[in-house]
């Protein structure tokens, strides 16, 4: 909970959801989770990183859409229908030849409040273990992202971005009192973040 100057308290809803290879199924799951959180009184609801597709380079390329595409419109409509702030986790965003890991933020009236493109791509090659190179498909963003709410300024970044303390410092300098970090961790590297 966070209290704004008027004394209103914000209730934050964090949606951890299963992801399948079916975009339609992921859409329905997302809408159900957001509706449930809104019905429970949440004012600001956060989705996970890459909630709409499997976490793979092939899926990022296959599921990528431009801003304003089907996924973007569904998120906009969901925020508006539920009357909530929606930090929409992240989705693969296509912009020309580039694909970004992008977090859109929508206001309760369905307007775009902010857009963050993951700045620090996660490349891992553990000897005898896991290899995953986001940079083989994704392009890094370059902007520090904050947005204004009735409860104050909120900073947003995606997953591995948060491992870089200067980014949190820049969000704080921009007035952020809360930082939201949609993330998908794996069992190889996840424990390092706990």
C-alpha atoms as a PDB file:
ATOM      1  CA  UNK A   1       0.000   0.000   0.000  1.00  0.00           C
ATOM      2  CA  UNK A   2       1.117   3.566  -0.750  1.00  0.00           C
ATOM      3  CA  UNK A   3      -0.706   6.698   0.391  1.00  0.00           C
ATOM      4  CA  UNK A   4      -0.982   9.774  -1.850  1.00  0.00           C
ATOM      5  CA  UNK A   5      -1.175  13.397  -0.728  1.00  0.00           C
ATOM      6  CA  UNK A   6      -4.986  13.227  -0.584  1.00  0.00           C
ATOM      7  CA  UNK A   7      -4.686  10.347   1.874  1.00  0.00           C
ATOM      8  CA  UNK A   8      -5.861   7.678  -0.582  1.00  0.00           C
ATOM      9  CA  UNK A   9      -3.995   4.397  -0.330  1.00  0.00           C
ATOM     10  CA  UNK A  10      -2.932   2.474  -3.428  1.00  0.00           C
ATOM     11  CA  UNK A  11      -3.396  -1.271  -3.454  1.00  0.00           C
ATOM     12  CA  UNK A  12      -0.893  -3.026  -5.705  1.00  0.00           C
ATOM     13  CA  UNK A  13      -1.716  -6.282  -7.506  1.00  0.00           C
ATOM     14  CA  UNK A  14       1.066  -8.543  -8.808  1.00  0.00           C
ATOM     15  CA  UNK A  15      -0.060 -11.138 -11.349  1.00  0.00           C
ATOM     16  CA  UNK A  16       2.106 -14.217 -11.695  1.00  0.00           C
ATOM     17  CA  UNK A  17       0.596 -16.240 -14.502  1.00  0.00           C
ATOM     18  CA  UNK A  18       1.315 -19.372 -16.538  1.00  0.00           C
ATOM     19  CA  UNK A  19       2.321 -18.769 -20.151  1.00  0.00           C
ATOM     20  CA  UNK A  20       1.542 -21.110 -23.045  1.00  0.00           C
ATOM     21  CA  UNK A  21       2.307 -21.130 -26.764  1.00  0.00           C
ATOM     22  CA  UNK A  22      -1.266 -19.982 -27.444  1.00  0.00           C
ATOM     23  CA  UNK A  23      -1.529 -16.194 -27.649  1.00  0.00           C
ATOM     24  CA  UNK A  24      -5.342 -16.443 -27.310  1.00  0.00           C
ATOM     25  CA  UNK A  25      -5.009 -18.537 -24.152  1.00  0.00           C
ATOM     26  CA  UNK A  26      -2.475 -16.079 -22.697  1.00  0.00           C
ATOM     27  CA  UNK A  27      -4.825 -13.194 -23.523  1.00  0.00           C
ATOM     28  CA  UNK A  28      -7.694 -14.869 -21.670  1.00  0.00           C
ATOM     29  CA  UNK A  29      -5.517 -15.724 -18.675  1.00  0.00           C
ATOM     30  CA  UNK A  30      -4.204 -12.156 -18.480  1.00  0.00           C
ATOM     31  CA  UNK A  31      -7.706 -10.681 -18.613  1.00  0.00           C
ATOM     32  CA  UNK A  32      -8.966 -13.079 -15.913  1.00  0.00           C
ATOM     33  CA  UNK A  33      -6.043 -12.274 -13.599  1.00  0.00           C
ATOM     34  CA  UNK A  34      -6.383  -8.509 -14.089  1.00  0.00           C
ATOM     35  CA  UNK A  35     -10.165  -8.634 -13.570  1.00  0.00           C
ATOM     36  CA  UNK A  36      -9.707 -10.681 -10.378  1.00  0.00           C
ATOM     37  CA  UNK A  37      -7.108  -8.235  -9.034  1.00  0.00           C
ATOM     38  CA  UNK A  38      -9.337  -5.268  -9.902  1.00  0.00           C
ATOM     39  CA  UNK A  39     -12.303  -6.960  -8.198  1.00  0.00           C
ATOM     40  CA  UNK A  40     -10.101  -7.386  -5.108  1.00  0.00           C
ATOM     41  CA  UNK A  41      -9.638  -3.598  -5.035  1.00  0.00           C
ATOM     42  CA  UNK A  42      -6.221  -3.252  -6.654  1.00  0.00           C
ATOM     43  CA  UNK A  43      -5.507   0.179  -8.114  1.00  0.00           C
ATOM     44  CA  UNK A  44      -2.242  -0.614  -9.925  1.00  0.00           C
ATOM     45  CA  UNK A  45      -1.783  -4.081 -11.418  1.00  0.00           C
ATOM     46  CA  UNK A  46       1.502  -5.507 -12.731  1.00  0.00           C
ATOM     47  CA  UNK A  47       1.864  -8.319 -15.263  1.00  0.00           C
ATOM     48  CA  UNK A  48       4.987 -10.484 -15.704  1.00  0.00           C
ATOM     49  CA  UNK A  49       7.737 -10.148 -18.254  1.00  0.00           C
ATOM     50  CA  UNK A  50       6.801 -11.676 -21.648  1.00  0.00           C
ATOM     51  CA  UNK A  51       3.381 -12.807 -20.378  1.00  0.00           C
ATOM     52  CA  UNK A  52       2.002 -13.232 -23.922  1.00  0.00           C
ATOM     53  CA  UNK A  53       4.529 -15.703 -25.332  1.00  0.00           C
ATOM     54  CA  UNK A  54       7.050 -18.389 -24.425  1.00  0.00           C
ATOM     55  CA  UNK A  55      10.393 -16.986 -23.261  1.00  0.00           C
ATOM     56  CA  UNK A  56      12.510 -17.798 -26.303  1.00  0.00           C
ATOM     57  CA  UNK A  57      14.171 -15.853 -29.090  1.00  0.00           C
ATOM     58  CA  UNK A  58      12.070 -17.683 -31.684  1.00  0.00           C
ATOM     59  CA  UNK A  59       8.869 -16.739 -29.843  1.00  0.00           C
ATOM     60  CA  UNK A  60       9.946 -13.101 -29.474  1.00  0.00           C
ATOM     61  CA  UNK A  61      10.275 -12.847 -33.263  1.00  0.00           C
ATOM     62  CA  UNK A  62       7.044 -14.785 -33.944  1.00  0.00           C
ATOM     63  CA  UNK A  63       4.831 -12.924 -31.432  1.00  0.00           C
ATOM     64  CA  UNK A  64       6.271  -9.415 -31.911  1.00  0.00           C
ATOM     65  CA  UNK A  65       3.771  -6.691 -32.788  1.00  0.00           C
ATOM     66  CA  UNK A  66       4.064  -2.946 -33.289  1.00  0.00           C
ATOM     67  CA  UNK A  67       2.729  -0.496 -30.721  1.00  0.00           C
ATOM     68  CA  UNK A  68      -0.987  -0.262 -31.435  1.00  0.00           C
ATOM     69  CA  UNK A  69      -1.227  -3.951 -32.464  1.00  0.00           C
ATOM     70  CA  UNK A  70      -3.659  -6.545 -31.106  1.00  0.00           C
ATOM     71  CA  UNK A  71      -1.847  -7.061 -27.788  1.00  0.00           C
ATOM     72  CA  UNK A  72      -1.453  -3.321 -27.197  1.00  0.00           C
ATOM     73  CA  UNK A  73      -5.166  -2.715 -27.910  1.00  0.00           C
ATOM     74  CA  UNK A  74      -6.189  -5.551 -25.582  1.00  0.00           C
ATOM     75  CA  UNK A  75      -4.053  -4.125 -22.756  1.00  0.00           C
ATOM     76  CA  UNK A  76      -5.475  -0.644 -23.326  1.00  0.00           C
ATOM     77  CA  UNK A  77      -9.054  -2.000 -23.312  1.00  0.00           C
ATOM     78  CA  UNK A  78      -8.422  -4.139 -20.206  1.00  0.00           C
ATOM     79  CA  UNK A  79      -7.075  -1.178 -18.214  1.00  0.00           C
ATOM     80  CA  UNK A  80     -10.053   0.922 -19.274  1.00  0.00           C
ATOM     81  CA  UNK A  81     -12.683  -1.754 -18.589  1.00  0.00           C
ATOM     82  CA  UNK A  82     -11.242  -2.462 -15.150  1.00  0.00           C
ATOM     83  CA  UNK A  83     -10.545   1.209 -14.330  1.00  0.00           C
ATOM     84  CA  UNK A  84      -7.023   0.445 -13.114  1.00  0.00           C
ATOM     85  CA  UNK A  85      -3.422   1.470 -13.750  1.00  0.00           C
ATOM     86  CA  UNK A  86      -1.863  -1.393 -15.700  1.00  0.00           C
ATOM     87  CA  UNK A  87       1.886  -1.972 -15.803  1.00  0.00           C
ATOM     88  CA  UNK A  88       1.610  -4.475 -18.621  1.00  0.00           C
ATOM     89  CA  UNK A  89       4.644  -6.627 -17.822  1.00  0.00           C
ATOM     90  CA  UNK A  90       6.435  -6.847 -21.119  1.00  0.00           C
ATOM     91  CA  UNK A  91       5.698  -7.967 -24.649  1.00  0.00           C
ATOM     92  CA  UNK A  92       7.846  -8.285 -27.773  1.00  0.00           C
ATOM     93  CA  UNK A  93       7.428  -4.991 -29.635  1.00  0.00           C
ATOM     94  CA  UNK A  94       8.359  -4.757 -33.311  1.00  0.00           C
ATOM     95  CA  UNK A  95       9.571  -1.360 -34.508  1.00  0.00           C
ATOM     96  CA  UNK A  96      10.841  -1.572 -38.075  1.00  0.00           C
ATOM     97  CA  UNK A  97      13.515  -4.267 -38.156  1.00  0.00           C
ATOM     98  CA  UNK A  98      14.054  -4.139 -34.376  1.00  0.00           C
ATOM     99  CA  UNK A  99      12.312  -6.147 -31.646  1.00  0.00           C
ATOM    100  CA  UNK A 100      12.240  -4.742 -28.110  1.00  0.00           C
ATOM    101  CA  UNK A 101      11.252  -6.247 -24.763  1.00  0.00           C
ATOM    102  CA  UNK A 102       8.721  -3.502 -23.990  1.00  0.00           C
ATOM    103  CA  UNK A 103       6.638  -2.636 -20.953  1.00  0.00           C
ATOM    104  CA  UNK A 104       3.586  -0.462 -21.650  1.00  0.00           C
ATOM    105  CA  UNK A 105       1.832   1.366 -18.816  1.00  0.00           C
ATOM    106  CA  UNK A 106      -1.835   2.331 -19.162  1.00  0.00           C
ATOM    107  CA  UNK A 107      -4.003   4.715 -17.137  1.00  0.00           C
ATOM    108  CA  UNK A 108      -7.483   3.778 -15.848  1.00  0.00           C
ATOM    109  CA  UNK A 109      -9.002   5.460 -18.925  1.00  0.00           C
ATOM    110  CA  UNK A 110      -6.856   3.331 -21.249  1.00  0.00           C
ATOM    111  CA  UNK A 111      -4.304   5.983 -22.217  1.00  0.00           C
ATOM    112  CA  UNK A 112      -0.618   5.142 -22.602  1.00  0.00           C
ATOM    113  CA  UNK A 113       1.175   6.627 -19.575  1.00  0.00           C
ATOM    114  CA  UNK A 114       4.657   5.266 -20.288  1.00  0.00           C
ATOM    115  CA  UNK A 115       6.654   2.816 -22.354  1.00  0.00           C
ATOM    116  CA  UNK A 116       9.909   1.202 -21.243  1.00  0.00           C
ATOM    117  CA  UNK A 117      12.144  -0.823 -23.530  1.00  0.00           C
ATOM    118  CA  UNK A 118      14.430  -3.179 -21.600  1.00  0.00           C
ATOM    119  CA  UNK A 119      17.879  -1.567 -21.602  1.00  0.00           C
ATOM    120  CA  UNK A 120      20.061  -4.405 -20.320  1.00  0.00           C
ATOM    121  CA  UNK A 121      19.611  -7.556 -22.373  1.00  0.00           C
ATOM    122  CA  UNK A 122      20.228 -10.846 -20.630  1.00  0.00           C
ATOM    123  CA  UNK A 123      22.927 -12.918 -22.275  1.00  0.00           C
ATOM    124  CA  UNK A 124      24.031 -16.045 -20.438  1.00  0.00           C
ATOM    125  CA  UNK A 125      26.370 -18.870 -21.374  1.00  0.00           C
ATOM    126  CA  UNK A 126      27.045 -21.064 -18.343  1.00  0.00           C
ATOM    127  CA  UNK A 127      29.716 -23.666 -19.081  1.00  0.00           C
ATOM    128  CA  UNK A 128      28.036 -27.066 -19.044  1.00  0.00           C
ATOM    129  CA  UNK A 129      24.678 -25.388 -18.405  1.00  0.00           C
ATOM    130  CA  UNK A 130      22.300 -22.887 -19.837  1.00  0.00           C
ATOM    131  CA  UNK A 131      22.887 -20.649 -22.857  1.00  0.00           C
ATOM    132  CA  UNK A 132      20.438 -17.892 -23.745  1.00  0.00           C
ATOM    133  CA  UNK A 133      21.292 -14.719 -25.626  1.00  0.00           C
ATOM    134  CA  UNK A 134      18.520 -12.128 -25.720  1.00  0.00           C
ATOM    135  CA  UNK A 135      20.767  -9.932 -27.860  1.00  0.00           C
ATOM    136  CA  UNK A 136      20.487 -12.438 -30.726  1.00  0.00           C
ATOM    137  CA  UNK A 137      16.891 -11.263 -31.244  1.00  0.00           C
ATOM    138  CA  UNK A 138      16.179  -8.226 -29.082  1.00  0.00           C
ATOM    139  CA  UNK A 139      17.415  -4.641 -29.353  1.00  0.00           C
ATOM    140  CA  UNK A 140      18.240  -2.712 -26.176  1.00  0.00           C
ATOM    141  CA  UNK A 141      16.224   0.339 -25.208  1.00  0.00           C
ATOM    142  CA  UNK A 142      17.884   3.532 -24.027  1.00  0.00           C
ATOM    143  CA  UNK A 143      15.440   5.500 -21.858  1.00  0.00           C
ATOM    144  CA  UNK A 144      14.925   5.822 -18.120  1.00  0.00           C
ATOM    145  CA  UNK A 145      11.182   5.463 -17.557  1.00  0.00           C
ATOM    146  CA  UNK A 146       8.947   6.990 -14.907  1.00  0.00           C
ATOM    147  CA  UNK A 147       5.282   7.935 -14.871  1.00  0.00           C
ATOM    148  CA  UNK A 148       3.057  10.072 -12.654  1.00  0.00           C
ATOM    149  CA  UNK A 149       0.178   8.542 -10.655  1.00  0.00           C
ATOM    150  CA  UNK A 150      -2.110   9.944  -7.947  1.00  0.00           C
ATOM    151  CA  UNK A 151       0.231   8.236  -5.440  1.00  0.00           C
ATOM    152  CA  UNK A 152       3.413   9.780  -6.814  1.00  0.00           C
ATOM    153  CA  UNK A 153       5.993   9.004  -9.451  1.00  0.00           C
ATOM    154  CA  UNK A 154       6.577   5.344 -10.315  1.00  0.00           C
ATOM    155  CA  UNK A 155       9.694   4.020 -12.042  1.00  0.00           C
ATOM    156  CA  UNK A 156       9.574   1.000 -14.311  1.00  0.00           C
ATOM    157  CA  UNK A 157      12.272  -1.247 -15.729  1.00  0.00           C
ATOM    158  CA  UNK A 158      12.335  -4.847 -16.933  1.00  0.00           C
ATOM    159  CA  UNK A 159      14.078  -7.776 -15.231  1.00  0.00           C
ATOM    160  CA  UNK A 160      17.862  -7.598 -15.738  1.00  0.00           C
ATOM    161  CA  UNK A 161      17.668  -3.771 -15.883  1.00  0.00           C
ATOM    162  CA  UNK A 162      17.303  -3.780 -12.110  1.00  0.00           C
ATOM    163  CA  UNK A 163      20.741  -5.360 -11.618  1.00  0.00           C
ATOM    164  CA  UNK A 164      22.225  -1.988 -12.595  1.00  0.00           C
ATOM    165  CA  UNK A 165      21.976   0.302  -9.564  1.00  0.00           C
ATOM    166  CA  UNK A 166      22.612   3.540 -11.504  1.00  0.00           C
ATOM    167  CA  UNK A 167      19.292   2.999 -13.332  1.00  0.00           C
ATOM    168  CA  UNK A 168      17.427   2.861 -10.016  1.00  0.00           C
ATOM    169  CA  UNK A 169      19.302   6.004  -8.980  1.00  0.00           C
ATOM    170  CA  UNK A 170      18.184   7.801 -12.141  1.00  0.00           C
ATOM    171  CA  UNK A 171      14.563   6.790 -11.539  1.00  0.00           C
ATOM    172  CA  UNK A 172      14.846   8.065  -7.964  1.00  0.00           C
ATOM    173  CA  UNK A 173      16.333  11.351  -9.191  1.00  0.00           C
ATOM    174  CA  UNK A 174      13.313  11.637 -11.502  1.00  0.00           C
ATOM    175  CA  UNK A 175      11.102  11.435  -8.381  1.00  0.00           C
ATOM    176  CA  UNK A 176      10.204   7.741  -8.266  1.00  0.00           C
ATOM    177  CA  UNK A 177       8.894   6.628  -4.866  1.00  0.00           C
ATOM    178  CA  UNK A 178       8.044   3.144  -6.136  1.00  0.00           C
ATOM    179  CA  UNK A 179       9.840   1.004  -8.717  1.00  0.00           C
ATOM    180  CA  UNK A 180       8.054  -1.748 -10.601  1.00  0.00           C
ATOM    181  CA  UNK A 181      10.162  -4.472 -12.209  1.00  0.00           C
ATOM    182  CA  UNK A 182       8.336  -7.105 -14.286  1.00  0.00           C
ATOM    183  CA  UNK A 183      10.717 -10.065 -14.435  1.00  0.00           C
ATOM    184  CA  UNK A 184      11.023 -13.706 -15.475  1.00  0.00           C
ATOM    185  CA  UNK A 185      13.872 -15.502 -13.725  1.00  0.00           C
ATOM    186  CA  UNK A 186      15.125 -19.024 -14.375  1.00  0.00           C
ATOM    187  CA  UNK A 187      16.490 -21.568 -11.923  1.00  0.00           C
ATOM    188  CA  UNK A 188      20.099 -21.155 -13.150  1.00  0.00           C
ATOM    189  CA  UNK A 189      20.478 -17.459 -12.477  1.00  0.00           C
ATOM    190  CA  UNK A 190      17.350 -16.625 -10.465  1.00  0.00           C
ATOM    191  CA  UNK A 191      18.809 -17.469  -7.040  1.00  0.00           C
ATOM    192  CA  UNK A 192      21.413 -14.718  -7.522  1.00  0.00           C
ATOM    193  CA  UNK A 193      18.538 -12.199  -7.398  1.00  0.00           C
ATOM    194  CA  UNK A 194      16.869 -13.573  -4.231  1.00  0.00           C
END
